[in-house]
Amino acid sequence: MADHRVGKAFRHLAGRLEGIDLSPKMLDRAKARGVYDELHTGDFETILPTLSHPVDLLLFADVLIYFDDLSSVIRVSSEKLAPGGIVGFTLELPTTQEQNSLDRIPGGWKWRLGASGRNAHNPKYVHELAEKQGFRVAESKTLPKLRREAGETIPGTLMILEKER
């Protein structure tokens, strides 16, 4: 299992647990927890392809908000996952007010960079990317409250993709 910022909750599911993070400080904290077999400093799009083995499960908890176009994320995940492998992640959604203006965009929207510096992603766009890369959308669930920030509730989506066998 390769994980980006999740770890401890999934240790019992993994024969091998590896973590990837850009921040050496975050990796120091992860190392102190003693749950990982190996930790990697860097961007997962660079690190993941260098792993010498296929991965059964990839987890990205509140990470994809820092990416705009998710096509390379989905592609790299598909290339490294074993057949039948799972990738799970959360997406930020726009607020209701933002959604109303995005719905007026001809042809739909894919992602939107918010004032917070984070990206919201259209689940329909992610479903299309996933299917093009050989994934089945096993779960796509709206989360009315992904997190609270500055007194505002930020909605999201939990998405689980399964790579074709």
C-alpha atoms as a PDB file:
ATOM      1  CA  MET A   1       0.000   0.000   0.000  1.00  0.00           C
ATOM      2  CA  ALA A   2       1.261   3.481  -0.824  1.00  0.00           C
ATOM      3  CA  ASP A   3      -0.307   6.248   1.159  1.00  0.00           C
ATOM      4  CA  HIS A   4      -0.159   9.995   1.054  1.00  0.00           C
ATOM      5  CA  ARG A   5      -0.872  11.378   4.558  1.00  0.00           C
ATOM      6  CA  VAL A   6      -3.150   8.656   5.942  1.00  0.00           C
ATOM      7  CA  GLY A   7      -1.115   5.862   7.518  1.00  0.00           C
ATOM      8  CA  LYS A   8      -2.001   4.585  10.947  1.00  0.00           C
ATOM      9  CA  ALA A   9      -5.663   3.772  10.293  1.00  0.00           C
ATOM     10  CA  PHE A  10      -4.688   1.441   7.441  1.00  0.00           C
ATOM     11  CA  ARG A  11      -1.645  -0.333   8.883  1.00  0.00           C
ATOM     12  CA  HIS A  12      -3.634  -3.484   9.675  1.00  0.00           C
ATOM     13  CA  LEU A  13      -4.708  -3.770   6.019  1.00  0.00           C
ATOM     14  CA  ALA A  14      -1.236  -3.658   4.535  1.00  0.00           C
ATOM     15  CA  GLY A  15       1.505  -6.223   4.354  1.00  0.00           C
ATOM     16  CA  ARG A  16       3.721  -3.298   3.388  1.00  0.00           C
ATOM     17  CA  LEU A  17       2.909   0.377   3.997  1.00  0.00           C
ATOM     18  CA  GLU A  18       4.799   3.186   2.292  1.00  0.00           C
ATOM     19  CA  GLY A  19       4.225   6.911   2.689  1.00  0.00           C
ATOM     20  CA  ILE A  20       4.968   9.786   0.341  1.00  0.00           C
ATOM     21  CA  ASP A  21       5.026  13.468   1.270  1.00  0.00           C
ATOM     22  CA  LEU A  22       6.659  16.657   0.053  1.00  0.00           C
ATOM     23  CA  SER A  23       7.391  17.786   3.598  1.00  0.00           C
ATOM     24  CA  PRO A  24      10.351  16.289   5.482  1.00  0.00           C
ATOM     25  CA  LYS A  25       8.680  17.493   8.716  1.00  0.00           C
ATOM     26  CA  MET A  26       5.542  15.488   7.940  1.00  0.00           C
ATOM     27  CA  LEU A  27       7.680  12.448   7.174  1.00  0.00           C
ATOM     28  CA  ASP A  28       9.547  12.874  10.475  1.00  0.00           C
ATOM     29  CA  ARG A  29       6.186  12.820  12.256  1.00  0.00           C
ATOM     30  CA  ALA A  30       5.126   9.761  10.261  1.00  0.00           C
ATOM     31  CA  LYS A  31       8.401   8.001  11.092  1.00  0.00           C
ATOM     32  CA  ALA A  32       7.885   8.715  14.803  1.00  0.00           C
ATOM     33  CA  ARG A  33       4.539   6.875  14.651  1.00  0.00           C
ATOM     34  CA  GLY A  34       6.367   3.738  13.552  1.00  0.00           C
ATOM     35  CA  VAL A  35       3.678   2.439  11.204  1.00  0.00           C
ATOM     36  CA  TYR A  36       5.429   2.742   7.835  1.00  0.00           C
ATOM     37  CA  ASP A  37       7.820   0.278   6.236  1.00  0.00           C
ATOM     38  CA  GLU A  38       9.295   3.004   4.065  1.00  0.00           C
ATOM     39  CA  LEU A  39       8.874   6.766   3.639  1.00  0.00           C
ATOM     40  CA  HIS A  40       9.640   8.822   0.533  1.00  0.00           C
ATOM     41  CA  THR A  41      10.223  12.567   0.290  1.00  0.00           C
ATOM     42  CA  GLY A  42       8.850  14.104  -2.879  1.00  0.00           C
ATOM     43  CA  ASP A  43       5.900  14.414  -5.180  1.00  0.00           C
ATOM     44  CA  PHE A  44       3.954  11.183  -5.538  1.00  0.00           C
ATOM     45  CA  GLU A  45       3.788  11.599  -9.328  1.00  0.00           C
ATOM     46  CA  THR A  46       7.588  11.329  -9.321  1.00  0.00           C
ATOM     47  CA  ILE A  47       8.031   8.779  -6.505  1.00  0.00           C
ATOM     48  CA  LEU A  48       5.222   6.341  -7.303  1.00  0.00           C
ATOM     49  CA  PRO A  49       6.586   5.245 -10.710  1.00  0.00           C
ATOM     50  CA  THR A  50       9.974   4.472  -9.110  1.00  0.00           C
ATOM     51  CA  LEU A  51       8.561   1.868  -6.721  1.00  0.00           C
ATOM     52  CA  SER A  52       9.760  -1.564  -7.815  1.00  0.00           C
ATOM     53  CA  HIS A  53       6.455  -3.292  -7.103  1.00  0.00           C
ATOM     54  CA  PRO A  54       2.794  -2.850  -8.015  1.00  0.00           C
ATOM     55  CA  VAL A  55       0.550  -1.337  -5.356  1.00  0.00           C
ATOM     56  CA  ASP A  56      -2.806  -2.709  -4.167  1.00  0.00           C
ATOM     57  CA  LEU A  57      -4.152   0.449  -2.528  1.00  0.00           C
ATOM     58  CA  LEU A  58      -3.458   4.163  -2.953  1.00  0.00           C
ATOM     59  CA  LEU A  59      -4.948   6.733  -0.568  1.00  0.00           C
ATOM     60  CA  PHE A  60      -4.996  10.507  -1.006  1.00  0.00           C
ATOM     61  CA  ALA A  61      -6.793  12.179   1.897  1.00  0.00           C
ATOM     62  CA  ASP A  62      -7.397  15.894   1.285  1.00  0.00           C
ATOM     63  CA  VAL A  63      -4.393  16.043  -1.065  1.00  0.00           C
ATOM     64  CA  LEU A  64      -5.813  16.497  -4.567  1.00  0.00           C
ATOM     65  CA  ILE A  65      -6.947  20.020  -3.680  1.00  0.00           C
ATOM     66  CA  TYR A  66      -3.386  21.064  -4.532  1.00  0.00           C
ATOM     67  CA  PHE A  67      -3.644  19.796  -8.130  1.00  0.00           C
ATOM     68  CA  ASP A  68      -5.601  21.335 -10.968  1.00  0.00           C
ATOM     69  CA  ASP A  69      -5.746  18.904 -13.915  1.00  0.00           C
ATOM     70  CA  LEU A  70      -5.955  15.418 -12.376  1.00  0.00           C
ATOM     71  CA  SER A  71      -5.184  13.495 -15.573  1.00  0.00           C
ATOM     72  CA  SER A  72      -1.577  12.729 -14.582  1.00  0.00           C
ATOM     73  CA  VAL A  73      -2.644  11.746 -11.038  1.00  0.00           C
ATOM     74  CA  ILE A  74      -5.157   9.243 -12.408  1.00  0.00           C
ATOM     75  CA  ARG A  75      -2.733   7.986 -15.088  1.00  0.00           C
ATOM     76  CA  VAL A  76       0.175   7.420 -12.655  1.00  0.00           C
ATOM     77  CA  SER A  77      -2.193   5.693 -10.223  1.00  0.00           C
ATOM     78  CA  SER A  78      -3.447   3.376 -12.955  1.00  0.00           C
ATOM     79  CA  GLU A  79       0.084   2.542 -14.098  1.00  0.00           C
ATOM     80  CA  LYS A  80       1.257   1.563 -10.604  1.00  0.00           C
ATOM     81  CA  LEU A  81      -1.848  -0.205  -9.267  1.00  0.00           C
ATOM     82  CA  ALA A  82      -2.099  -3.966  -9.555  1.00  0.00           C
ATOM     83  CA  PRO A  83      -5.158  -5.293 -11.432  1.00  0.00           C
ATOM     84  CA  GLY A  84      -8.130  -4.985  -9.085  1.00  0.00           C
ATOM     85  CA  GLY A  85      -6.241  -2.357  -7.064  1.00  0.00           C
ATOM     86  CA  ILE A  86      -8.064   0.484  -5.354  1.00  0.00           C
ATOM     87  CA  VAL A  87      -7.422   4.215  -5.226  1.00  0.00           C
ATOM     88  CA  GLY A  88      -9.352   6.274  -2.686  1.00  0.00           C
ATOM     89  CA  PHE A  89      -9.362  10.049  -2.353  1.00  0.00           C
ATOM     90  CA  THR A  90     -11.329  13.097  -1.383  1.00  0.00           C
ATOM     91  CA  LEU A  91     -12.145  16.051  -3.606  1.00  0.00           C
ATOM     92  CA  GLU A  92     -13.190  19.513  -2.530  1.00  0.00           C
ATOM     93  CA  LEU A  93     -16.423  20.785  -4.057  1.00  0.00           C
ATOM     94  CA  PRO A  94     -17.356  24.412  -4.642  1.00  0.00           C
ATOM     95  CA  THR A  95     -19.809  26.058  -2.271  1.00  0.00           C
ATOM     96  CA  THR A  96     -23.439  26.221  -3.417  1.00  0.00           C
ATOM     97  CA  GLN A  97     -22.991  29.834  -4.533  1.00  0.00           C
ATOM     98  CA  GLU A  98     -19.842  28.973  -6.520  1.00  0.00           C
ATOM     99  CA  GLN A  99     -21.540  25.898  -7.997  1.00  0.00           C
ATOM    100  CA  ASN A 100     -24.385  28.025  -9.368  1.00  0.00           C
ATOM    101  CA  SER A 101     -21.944  30.145 -11.393  1.00  0.00           C
ATOM    102  CA  LEU A 102     -19.889  27.114 -12.512  1.00  0.00           C
ATOM    103  CA  ASP A 103     -23.023  25.382 -13.792  1.00  0.00           C
ATOM    104  CA  ARG A 104     -23.404  28.186 -16.345  1.00  0.00           C
ATOM    105  CA  ILE A 105     -20.070  27.396 -18.037  1.00  0.00           C
ATOM    106  CA  PRO A 106     -20.756  26.009 -21.528  1.00  0.00           C
ATOM    107  CA  GLY A 107     -19.580  22.400 -21.734  1.00  0.00           C
ATOM    108  CA  GLY A 108     -19.227  22.143 -17.961  1.00  0.00           C
ATOM    109  CA  TRP A 109     -16.245  22.713 -15.681  1.00  0.00           C
ATOM    110  CA  LYS A 110     -13.346  20.457 -14.679  1.00  0.00           C
ATOM    111  CA  TRP A 111     -11.698  22.246 -11.752  1.00  0.00           C
ATOM    112  CA  ARG A 112     -11.716  25.668 -10.166  1.00  0.00           C
ATOM    113  CA  LEU A 113      -8.982  27.377  -8.161  1.00  0.00           C
ATOM    114  CA  GLY A 114     -10.572  29.038  -5.155  1.00  0.00           C
ATOM    115  CA  ALA A 115      -9.545  32.110  -3.181  1.00  0.00           C
ATOM    116  CA  SER A 116      -8.148  29.660  -0.601  1.00  0.00           C
ATOM    117  CA  GLY A 117      -5.529  28.499  -3.115  1.00  0.00           C
ATOM    118  CA  ARG A 118      -7.128  25.041  -3.253  1.00  0.00           C
ATOM    119  CA  ASN A 119      -8.802  23.417  -6.232  1.00  0.00           C
ATOM    120  CA  ALA A 120     -12.340  22.115  -6.332  1.00  0.00           C
ATOM    121  CA  HIS A 121     -12.943  19.331  -8.875  1.00  0.00           C
ATOM    122  CA  ASN A 122     -16.052  18.323 -10.754  1.00  0.00           C
ATOM    123  CA  PRO A 123     -16.758  14.652  -9.928  1.00  0.00           C
ATOM    124  CA  LYS A 124     -18.094  14.110 -13.479  1.00  0.00           C
ATOM    125  CA  TYR A 125     -14.708  15.192 -14.860  1.00  0.00           C
ATOM    126  CA  VAL A 126     -12.892  12.795 -12.506  1.00  0.00           C
ATOM    127  CA  HIS A 127     -15.251   9.933 -13.452  1.00  0.00           C
ATOM    128  CA  GLU A 128     -14.409  10.524 -17.138  1.00  0.00           C
ATOM    129  CA  LEU A 129     -10.659  10.542 -16.445  1.00  0.00           C
ATOM    130  CA  ALA A 130     -10.947   7.380 -14.371  1.00  0.00           C
ATOM    131  CA  GLU A 131     -12.860   5.460 -17.026  1.00  0.00           C
ATOM    132  CA  LYS A 132     -10.317   6.476 -19.701  1.00  0.00           C
ATOM    133  CA  GLN A 133      -7.531   5.009 -17.521  1.00  0.00           C
ATOM    134  CA  GLY A 134      -9.243   1.665 -16.922  1.00  0.00           C
ATOM    135  CA  PHE A 135     -10.942   2.354 -13.603  1.00  0.00           C
ATOM    136  CA  ARG A 136     -14.436   1.526 -12.450  1.00  0.00           C
ATOM    137  CA  VAL A 137     -15.996   4.117 -10.132  1.00  0.00           C
ATOM    138  CA  ALA A 138     -16.822   1.888  -7.157  1.00  0.00           C
ATOM    139  CA  GLU A 139     -18.053   4.755  -4.967  1.00  0.00           C
ATOM    140  CA  SER A 140     -18.639   8.468  -5.370  1.00  0.00           C
ATOM    141  CA  LYS A 141     -20.281   9.973  -2.321  1.00  0.00           C
ATOM    142  CA  THR A 142     -20.978  13.636  -1.623  1.00  0.00           C
ATOM    143  CA  LEU A 143     -19.718  14.755   1.774  1.00  0.00           C
ATOM    144  CA  PRO A 144     -21.689  17.795   2.975  1.00  0.00           C
ATOM    145  CA  LYS A 145     -18.779  18.583   5.318  1.00  0.00           C
ATOM    146  CA  LEU A 146     -15.296  17.661   4.119  1.00  0.00           C
ATOM    147  CA  ARG A 147     -13.869  20.192   6.590  1.00  0.00           C
ATOM    148  CA  ARG A 148     -14.593  23.545   8.239  1.00  0.00           C
ATOM    149  CA  GLU A 149     -12.427  26.491   7.440  1.00  0.00           C
ATOM    150  CA  ALA A 150     -12.745  30.079   8.677  1.00  0.00           C
ATOM    151  CA  GLY A 151     -16.225  29.238   9.969  1.00  0.00           C
ATOM    152  CA  GLU A 152     -17.364  27.942   6.585  1.00  0.00           C
ATOM    153  CA  THR A 153     -18.363  24.361   5.824  1.00  0.00           C
ATOM    154  CA  ILE A 154     -16.461  23.041   2.800  1.00  0.00           C
ATOM    155  CA  PRO A 155     -18.293  20.266   0.915  1.00  0.00           C
ATOM    156  CA  GLY A 156     -16.491  17.407  -0.769  1.00  0.00           C
ATOM    157  CA  THR A 157     -16.659  14.033  -2.441  1.00  0.00           C
ATOM    158  CA  LEU A 158     -15.237  10.692  -1.358  1.00  0.00           C
ATOM    159  CA  MET A 159     -14.289   8.673  -4.425  1.00  0.00           C
ATOM    160  CA  ILE A 160     -13.162   5.047  -4.653  1.00  0.00           C
ATOM    161  CA  LEU A 161     -11.861   3.715  -7.980  1.00  0.00           C
ATOM    162  CA  GLU A 162     -11.090   0.097  -8.812  1.00  0.00           C
ATOM    163  CA  LYS A 163      -8.619  -0.775 -11.549  1.00  0.00           C
ATOM    164  CA  GLU A 164      -9.919  -3.284 -14.069  1.00  0.00           C
ATOM    165  CA  ARG A 165      -8.642  -6.827 -13.623  1.00  0.00           C
END
